[in-house]
Amino acid sequence: MLQPKLDSLDIEILAALVACGPRKLAEVARKTSISPTTLHYRLKTLASHFSLKFFTNVYHVNLGLKKAILLAEAEPGQEETLLKCLKANGFWIYLAPIYSVIQGYLGVYTIPKDNVVEFEQFLKELQDVGVARSVQHVWTTSLRRVNLTGTWFDSATEKWKFQFETWVNEIQRQSSELPYTLIDPEQFPILADETDVFILKELEKNAMVSFSELAKNLGITPQAVKHRYRKLLKLDLIEGFEIHLYPFQTMPFEAFYFVFTFESHEKFARFAASLLDKPLVVSLGKILGQNSMIAFLYIPLQEFKGFMKALSKLRAMGWLKNYFYVHLDLDGDMRQTFSYEYFKQGSWIYNHIQHIRTLQTLSKQNTRPQKPKDIQEIEKPVNLGVVEAA
């Protein structure tokens, strides 16, 4: 049986869904010059063959949340305990096993702006209780989702063509202008109330959830939900939509987390801009206060060598200062919505003491001596830096 694969019309439909929004199917049909019946059939087929899902990307910055990405190397034999400890802090939104130079987990957290110090103490405690050998973390902007476009798709052959040499030259001609999601925020305001946060949480799970269903759960009218939805868009609490599918269904691929560093902001910006329409990119984020960025990528195995050659050339040309990467195990990854349940009366509840106590409870079976600690003590931020290639 032949493996299903995307064709040019599928990609055109997916691009239109992102541009118009998954709620505006009539507009998508007009934009792609197909009938509503054909559109529904195509979407049903994509959902069946490619696990197509629609998510809403919430701009967590305007909820007063800072995004942290960490790499936690497990102590040998402590992998399961480490995972439980990482989940003890309910502000995680993504966790995935990693394997490369280190074995452990990658985590993405959205932390209230006023609790950065406590979170960094939580990360240090992972090492103190003996479940993590090391923990590296960075604070980033919002993770900019890069949805599928027709770039590098040959409509004549209906196949992907990864043009890495062309990409290297393209970077030098790119504009240094970036979307607001890849620019350091000046502040982290809270622009929502509890009702808004509930709506955002539901939209983050399913961008197609009906206003009627939301209204029923909230005890308000669908018209009130619609009004709130428009407000969320106006306040940039919704940054866009995510079309989730694996585009390289017929090609074995691996998932990677990369950290790229640059000598100047201009080089960072041009490099980042060049990736905003590439099919191997899942999402991008800027490391706060640095000319560095992180990238989640899906790379077909047969194309990995070409990608690494392109990075080597960019380093030789002086466009790329350094990079580091790890493999992600998608069979073991997990995601959840931002922690809406901890938002009460206009502010976030962050129970630092409970997080530390839970870590200590989970690690009781460890034989490694633990450092005595007053769990109410708040230490200075732990600056572990960014791990880079040699």
Protein backbone atom coordinates (compact mmCIF):
# COMPACT_ATOMS: atom_id res chain seq x y z
CA MET A 1 0.00 0.00 0.00
CA LEU A 2 1.40 3.41 -1.01
CA GLN A 3 2.15 5.93 1.71
CA PRO A 4 -0.02 9.06 1.50
CA LYS A 5 1.80 12.24 0.55
CA LEU A 6 1.00 15.90 0.22
CA ASP A 7 0.38 17.47 -3.19
CA SER A 8 0.45 21.09 -4.32
CA LEU A 9 -3.23 21.72 -3.60
CA ASP A 10 -2.89 20.30 -0.08
CA ILE A 11 -0.06 22.71 0.65
CA GLU A 12 -1.99 25.63 -0.87
CA ILE A 13 -4.96 24.77 1.36
CA LEU A 14 -2.79 24.56 4.49
CA ALA A 15 -1.17 27.92 3.73
CA ALA A 16 -4.61 29.51 3.21
CA LEU A 17 -5.86 28.07 6.51
CA VAL A 18 -3.04 29.83 8.34
CA ALA A 19 -3.55 33.10 6.48
CA CYS A 20 -7.35 33.19 6.83
CA GLY A 21 -7.77 31.24 10.05
CA PRO A 22 -9.32 27.75 10.37
CA ARG A 23 -12.74 29.23 11.18
CA LYS A 24 -13.04 30.94 7.79
CA LEU A 25 -13.39 27.92 5.52
CA ALA A 26 -15.49 29.78 2.94
CA GLU A 27 -12.68 32.32 2.58
CA VAL A 28 -10.13 29.47 2.31
CA ALA A 29 -12.18 27.90 -0.48
CA ARG A 30 -12.28 31.20 -2.38
CA LYS A 31 -8.57 31.81 -1.86
CA THR A 32 -7.69 28.36 -3.24
CA SER A 33 -10.32 28.49 -6.03
CA ILE A 34 -11.98 25.23 -5.00
CA SER A 35 -15.53 24.41 -3.91
CA PRO A 36 -16.46 24.09 -0.21
CA THR A 37 -17.24 20.41 -0.89
CA THR A 38 -13.75 19.79 -2.26
CA LEU A 39 -12.21 21.68 0.64
CA HIS A 40 -14.07 19.59 3.23
CA TYR A 41 -13.07 16.38 1.44
CA ARG A 42 -9.43 17.44 1.31
CA LEU A 43 -9.39 18.40 4.99
CA LYS A 44 -11.01 15.10 5.96
CA THR A 45 -8.37 13.21 3.97
CA LEU A 46 -5.53 15.24 5.50
CA ALA A 47 -6.88 14.63 8.99
CA SER A 48 -7.06 10.90 8.31
CA HIS A 49 -3.64 10.46 6.66
CA PHE A 50 -1.54 13.12 8.40
CA SER A 51 -3.15 13.52 11.86
CA LEU A 52 -4.04 17.11 10.92
CA LYS A 53 -4.92 19.28 13.93
CA PHE A 54 -5.52 23.01 14.44
CA PHE A 55 -4.18 24.82 17.49
CA THR A 56 -4.24 28.48 18.50
CA ASN A 57 -0.90 30.05 19.35
CA VAL A 58 -1.36 32.12 22.48
CA TYR A 59 1.02 35.06 22.95
CA HIS A 60 1.96 34.20 26.53
CA VAL A 61 3.92 37.46 26.93
CA ASN A 62 0.62 39.37 27.20
CA LEU A 63 -0.50 36.99 29.94
CA GLY A 64 2.50 37.99 32.06
CA LEU A 65 4.31 34.72 31.34
CA LYS A 66 7.99 34.27 30.42
CA LYS A 67 9.01 31.27 28.37
CA ALA A 68 11.87 29.07 29.62
CA ILE A 69 13.45 26.21 27.68
CA LEU A 70 15.62 23.75 29.55
CA LEU A 71 17.78 20.73 28.85
CA ALA A 72 17.94 18.43 31.87
CA GLU A 73 20.53 15.65 31.80
CA ALA A 74 19.34 12.73 33.90
CA GLU A 75 21.49 10.95 36.43
CA PRO A 76 21.86 7.38 35.12
CA GLY A 77 18.82 5.36 36.16
CA GLN A 78 16.86 8.45 37.20
CA GLU A 79 15.14 9.18 33.87
CA GLU A 80 11.61 8.30 35.07
CA THR A 81 12.05 10.18 38.32
CA LEU A 82 13.41 13.20 36.45
CA LEU A 83 10.30 13.29 34.26
CA LYS A 84 8.04 13.18 37.33
CA CYS A 85 10.06 15.98 38.92
CA LEU A 86 9.84 18.14 35.78
CA LYS A 87 6.05 17.70 35.80
CA ALA A 88 5.91 18.65 39.48
CA ASN A 89 6.03 22.26 38.31
CA GLY A 90 2.64 22.60 36.63
CA PHE A 91 3.74 25.48 34.41
CA TRP A 92 5.30 23.14 31.80
CA ILE A 93 3.74 23.13 28.34
CA TYR A 94 6.03 20.68 26.49
CA LEU A 95 8.33 17.84 27.52
CA ALA A 96 10.29 15.49 25.28
CA PRO A 97 13.02 12.90 25.83
CA ILE A 98 16.37 13.92 24.33
CA TYR A 99 19.28 11.79 23.23
CA SER A 100 22.60 13.05 21.98
CA VAL A 101 25.62 14.07 24.02
CA ILE A 102 23.25 14.08 27.01
CA GLN A 103 20.31 11.83 27.91
CA GLY A 104 17.34 13.38 29.64
CA TYR A 105 14.51 15.77 28.80
CA LEU A 106 13.83 19.02 27.04
CA GLY A 107 11.20 21.15 28.73
CA VAL A 108 9.29 24.29 27.76
CA TYR A 109 7.70 26.26 30.59
CA THR A 110 5.63 29.44 30.79
CA ILE A 111 6.55 31.04 34.11
CA PRO A 112 4.89 34.08 35.73
CA LYS A 113 7.16 37.10 35.28
CA ASP A 114 7.47 37.64 39.04
CA ASN A 115 8.58 34.06 39.76
CA VAL A 116 11.68 33.76 37.59
CA VAL A 117 14.01 33.47 40.60
CA GLU A 118 11.93 30.70 42.20
CA PHE A 119 11.83 28.76 38.94
CA GLU A 120 15.60 28.93 38.61
CA GLN A 121 15.88 27.64 42.17
CA PHE A 122 13.54 24.79 41.16
CA LEU A 123 15.96 23.91 38.34
CA LYS A 124 18.91 23.96 40.73
CA GLU A 125 17.00 21.70 43.11
CA LEU A 126 16.71 19.07 40.36
CA GLN A 127 20.47 18.66 40.66
CA ASP A 128 20.59 18.98 44.45
CA VAL A 129 18.15 16.10 44.97
CA GLY A 130 20.17 13.88 42.63
CA VAL A 131 17.81 13.31 39.69
CA ALA A 132 19.58 15.62 37.21
CA ARG A 133 23.29 15.67 36.47
CA SER A 134 23.00 19.10 34.87
CA VAL A 135 20.29 21.56 33.86
CA GLN A 136 20.82 24.21 31.20
CA HIS A 137 18.11 26.79 30.55
CA VAL A 138 17.41 29.93 28.55
CA TRP A 139 14.61 32.49 28.57
CA THR A 140 13.09 33.14 25.16
CA THR A 141 10.51 35.14 23.31
CA SER A 142 7.32 33.49 22.21
CA LEU A 143 7.95 30.43 20.05
CA ARG A 144 7.04 31.58 16.56
CA ARG A 145 5.24 28.76 14.76
CA VAL A 146 6.38 28.24 11.16
CA ASN A 147 3.52 26.72 9.23
CA LEU A 148 3.84 24.87 5.95
CA THR A 149 4.15 26.79 2.67
CA GLY A 150 5.04 25.81 -0.88
CA THR A 151 8.68 26.86 -0.43
CA TRP A 152 10.98 24.02 -1.55
CA PHE A 153 8.02 22.02 -2.90
CA ASP A 154 8.31 21.20 -6.61
CA SER A 155 4.80 21.22 -8.06
CA ALA A 156 6.03 19.54 -11.25
CA THR A 157 7.29 16.43 -9.48
CA GLU A 158 5.09 16.81 -6.36
CA LYS A 159 8.20 16.32 -4.21
CA TRP A 160 10.22 18.31 -1.69
CA LYS A 161 13.52 19.72 -2.91
CA PHE A 162 15.77 20.96 -0.12
CA GLN A 163 17.79 23.78 -1.64
CA PHE A 164 20.38 24.38 1.07
CA GLU A 165 22.91 26.10 -1.21
CA THR A 166 20.25 28.55 -2.37
CA TRP A 167 19.27 29.12 1.27
CA VAL A 168 22.84 30.09 2.23
CA ASN A 169 22.86 32.78 -0.46
CA GLU A 170 19.33 33.88 0.42
CA ILE A 171 20.29 34.71 4.02
CA GLN A 172 22.60 37.48 2.84
CA ARG A 173 19.75 39.17 0.95
CA GLN A 174 17.13 38.79 3.67
CA SER A 175 15.48 41.73 5.41
CA SER A 176 16.40 42.15 9.06
CA GLU A 177 12.79 43.02 9.93
CA LEU A 178 11.21 40.40 12.19
CA PRO A 179 7.68 39.68 13.53
CA TYR A 180 6.99 40.96 17.05
CA THR A 181 7.08 37.40 18.38
CA LEU A 182 10.84 37.26 17.68
CA ILE A 183 11.64 40.60 19.34
CA ASP A 184 12.50 40.98 23.04
CA PRO A 185 9.36 42.21 24.82
CA GLU A 186 9.68 45.47 26.74
CA GLN A 187 7.34 44.16 29.44
CA PHE A 188 5.10 41.22 30.31
CA PRO A 189 1.66 42.72 30.98
CA ILE A 190 -1.41 40.76 32.05
CA LEU A 191 -4.09 41.79 29.56
CA ALA A 192 -6.71 39.15 30.35
CA ASP A 193 -9.17 38.18 33.05
CA GLU A 194 -10.20 34.67 34.13
CA THR A 195 -12.84 34.34 31.41
CA ASP A 196 -10.33 35.36 28.73
CA VAL A 197 -7.78 32.88 30.09
CA PHE A 198 -10.32 30.04 29.97
CA ILE A 199 -11.19 30.88 26.35
CA LEU A 200 -7.52 31.04 25.39
CA LYS A 201 -6.87 27.68 27.03
CA GLU A 202 -9.69 26.04 25.06
CA LEU A 203 -8.56 27.66 21.80
CA GLU A 204 -5.00 26.51 22.45
CA LYS A 205 -6.30 22.92 22.61
CA ASN A 206 -8.53 23.24 19.56
CA ALA A 207 -8.66 26.30 17.32
CA MET A 208 -11.99 25.05 15.91
CA VAL A 209 -13.90 24.85 19.20
CA SER A 210 -17.29 26.49 18.71
CA PHE A 211 -18.35 29.70 20.41
CA SER A 212 -21.53 27.89 21.49
CA GLU A 213 -19.53 25.24 23.33
CA LEU A 214 -17.37 27.87 25.01
CA ALA A 215 -20.48 29.84 25.98
CA LYS A 216 -22.07 26.75 27.53
CA ASN A 217 -18.98 26.06 29.66
CA LEU A 218 -18.72 29.68 30.77
CA GLY A 219 -22.42 30.33 31.33
CA ILE A 220 -22.48 33.29 28.93
CA THR A 221 -23.91 33.87 25.45
CA PRO A 222 -22.15 32.92 22.19
CA GLN A 223 -22.27 36.61 21.27
CA ALA A 224 -20.33 37.44 24.43
CA VAL A 225 -17.73 34.81 23.54
CA LYS A 226 -17.43 36.24 20.03
CA HIS A 227 -16.90 39.72 21.50
CA ARG A 228 -14.21 38.34 23.80
CA TYR A 229 -12.55 36.53 20.89
CA ARG A 230 -12.28 39.76 18.91
CA LYS A 231 -10.79 41.47 21.96
CA LEU A 232 -8.17 38.71 22.32
CA LEU A 233 -7.14 39.26 18.71
CA LYS A 234 -6.98 43.04 19.15
CA LEU A 235 -4.76 42.73 22.24
CA ASP A 236 -2.38 40.32 20.48
CA LEU A 237 -3.21 37.56 22.94
CA ILE A 238 -3.68 35.35 19.89
CA GLU A 239 -0.60 35.51 17.67
CA GLY A 240 -1.81 33.06 15.03
CA PHE A 241 -2.75 29.47 14.32
CA GLU A 242 -0.81 26.25 14.17
CA ILE A 243 -1.44 23.61 11.54
CA HIS A 244 -0.02 20.46 13.08
CA LEU A 245 1.01 17.60 10.80
CA TYR A 246 4.16 15.75 9.78
CA PRO A 247 4.84 16.94 6.20
CA PHE A 248 7.50 14.31 5.38
CA GLN A 249 5.19 11.32 5.74
CA THR A 250 6.99 9.32 3.06
CA MET A 251 10.51 10.25 4.23
CA PRO A 252 12.12 9.06 7.48
CA PHE A 253 12.88 12.15 9.56
CA GLU A 254 14.19 13.16 12.98
CA ALA A 255 13.18 15.97 15.31
CA PHE A 256 15.88 18.34 16.57
CA TYR A 257 16.31 21.23 18.98
CA PHE A 258 18.99 23.68 17.80
CA VAL A 259 20.58 26.69 19.49
CA PHE A 260 22.20 29.15 17.06
CA THR A 261 24.42 32.06 18.14
CA PHE A 262 25.47 35.12 16.11
CA GLU A 263 27.98 37.96 16.43
CA SER A 264 25.41 40.66 15.68
CA HIS A 265 21.69 41.30 15.81
CA GLU A 266 21.58 41.86 12.05
CA LYS A 267 23.01 38.41 11.33
CA PHE A 268 20.61 36.84 13.80
CA ALA A 269 17.65 38.67 12.24
CA ARG A 270 18.53 37.76 8.64
CA PHE A 271 19.08 34.12 9.56
CA ALA A 272 15.79 33.96 11.49
CA ALA A 273 13.85 35.66 8.68
CA SER A 274 15.20 33.15 6.17
CA LEU A 275 13.65 30.29 8.16
CA LEU A 276 10.13 31.69 8.42
CA ASP A 277 8.91 29.85 5.31
CA LYS A 278 11.05 26.70 5.32
CA PRO A 279 9.33 23.28 5.56
CA LEU A 280 11.85 21.80 8.00
CA VAL A 281 11.13 24.45 10.65
CA VAL A 282 8.50 23.82 13.33
CA SER A 283 9.05 26.89 15.53
CA LEU A 284 11.61 29.58 16.33
CA GLY A 285 12.36 31.73 19.36
CA LYS A 286 14.88 34.42 20.28
CA ILE A 287 16.89 34.02 23.48
CA LEU A 288 16.16 37.13 25.54
CA GLY A 289 18.97 39.67 25.64
CA GLN A 290 21.22 37.72 23.27
CA ASN A 291 21.92 37.46 19.54
CA SER A 292 20.92 33.82 19.79
CA MET A 293 17.91 31.78 18.79
CA ILE A 294 16.42 28.36 19.31
CA ALA A 295 14.74 26.29 16.60
CA PHE A 296 12.67 23.13 16.59
CA LEU A 297 13.19 21.29 13.29
CA TYR A 298 11.97 18.20 11.46
CA ILE A 299 14.73 17.09 9.09
CA PRO A 300 14.49 14.10 6.71
CA LEU A 301 17.43 11.78 7.39
CA GLN A 302 18.61 11.94 3.80
CA GLU A 303 18.77 15.74 4.02
CA PHE A 304 20.58 16.06 7.36
CA LYS A 305 24.05 15.98 5.79
CA GLY A 306 23.11 18.80 3.41
CA PHE A 307 21.75 20.89 6.26
CA MET A 308 24.91 20.44 8.34
CA LYS A 309 27.08 21.34 5.34
CA ALA A 310 25.07 24.55 4.95
CA LEU A 311 25.63 25.41 8.62
CA SER A 312 29.36 24.75 8.23
CA LYS A 313 29.48 27.08 5.24
CA LEU A 314 27.62 29.79 7.15
CA ARG A 315 30.16 29.53 9.97
CA ALA A 316 33.05 29.78 7.51
CA MET A 317 31.45 32.88 5.98
CA GLY A 318 31.03 34.50 9.40
CA TRP A 319 27.25 34.52 9.31
CA LEU A 320 26.84 31.92 12.03
CA LYS A 321 29.02 32.05 15.13
CA ASN A 322 28.13 28.70 16.68
CA TYR A 323 25.42 26.09 17.13
CA PHE A 324 24.40 23.19 19.33
CA TYR A 325 21.70 20.54 18.90
CA VAL A 326 20.05 17.50 20.45
CA HIS A 327 17.66 14.86 19.08
CA LEU A 328 14.08 14.83 20.34
CA ASP A 329 12.16 11.57 20.78
CA LEU A 330 8.68 12.31 19.41
CA ASP A 331 7.42 8.92 20.58
CA GLY A 332 7.74 10.14 24.16
CA ASP A 333 6.90 13.84 23.88
CA MET A 334 3.91 15.41 25.60
CA ARG A 335 2.23 18.80 25.64
CA GLN A 336 -0.40 20.58 27.68
CA THR A 337 -1.98 24.02 27.67
CA PHE A 338 -0.55 26.89 29.67
CA SER A 339 -1.52 26.57 33.36
CA TYR A 340 -4.79 28.49 33.32
CA GLU A 341 -5.90 26.82 36.57
CA TYR A 342 -3.31 28.86 38.51
CA PHE A 343 -4.73 32.20 37.33
CA LYS A 344 -7.02 33.76 39.95
CA GLN A 345 -8.33 37.31 40.39
CA GLY A 346 -6.01 38.78 37.78
CA SER A 347 -2.73 37.21 38.92
CA TRP A 348 -0.80 33.94 38.83
CA ILE A 349 -0.47 31.59 41.79
CA TYR A 350 3.02 30.06 41.85
CA ASN A 351 3.52 27.68 44.79
CA HIS A 352 7.30 27.52 44.99
CA ILE A 353 7.42 25.76 48.36
CA GLN A 354 5.10 23.01 47.12
CA HIS A 355 7.24 22.50 44.01
CA ILE A 356 10.37 22.01 46.12
CA ARG A 357 8.62 19.69 48.58
CA THR A 358 7.34 17.56 45.71
CA LEU A 359 10.86 17.27 44.27
CA GLN A 360 12.18 16.15 47.64
CA THR A 361 9.39 13.59 48.02
CA LEU A 362 9.94 12.14 44.54
CA SER A 363 13.67 11.83 45.08
CA LYS A 364 13.55 9.98 48.43
CA GLN A 365 14.68 6.74 46.83
CA ASN A 366 17.92 8.35 45.63
CA THR A 367 21.04 7.20 47.42
CA ARG A 368 22.98 10.32 46.48
CA PRO A 369 23.37 12.63 49.52
CA GLN A 370 21.24 15.75 49.28
CA LYS A 371 22.30 19.19 50.35
CA PRO A 372 20.37 20.52 53.37
CA LYS A 373 18.25 23.46 52.29
CA ASP A 374 15.70 25.82 53.71
CA ILE A 375 13.00 25.55 51.07
CA GLN A 376 11.76 29.05 51.88
CA GLU A 377 15.13 30.52 50.91
CA ILE A 378 15.12 32.22 47.51
CA GLU A 379 18.54 32.16 45.90
CA LYS A 380 19.93 34.45 43.26
CA PRO A 381 19.18 33.41 39.66
CA VAL A 382 21.33 30.55 38.44
CA ASN A 383 22.99 31.55 35.16
CA LEU A 384 23.84 28.28 33.45
CA GLY A 385 24.29 29.91 30.05
CA VAL A 386 23.79 28.33 26.63
CA VAL A 387 25.56 25.14 25.68
CA GLU A 388 27.38 25.66 22.37
CA ALA A 389 29.26 23.55 19.89
CA ALA A 390 33.03 23.38 20.41
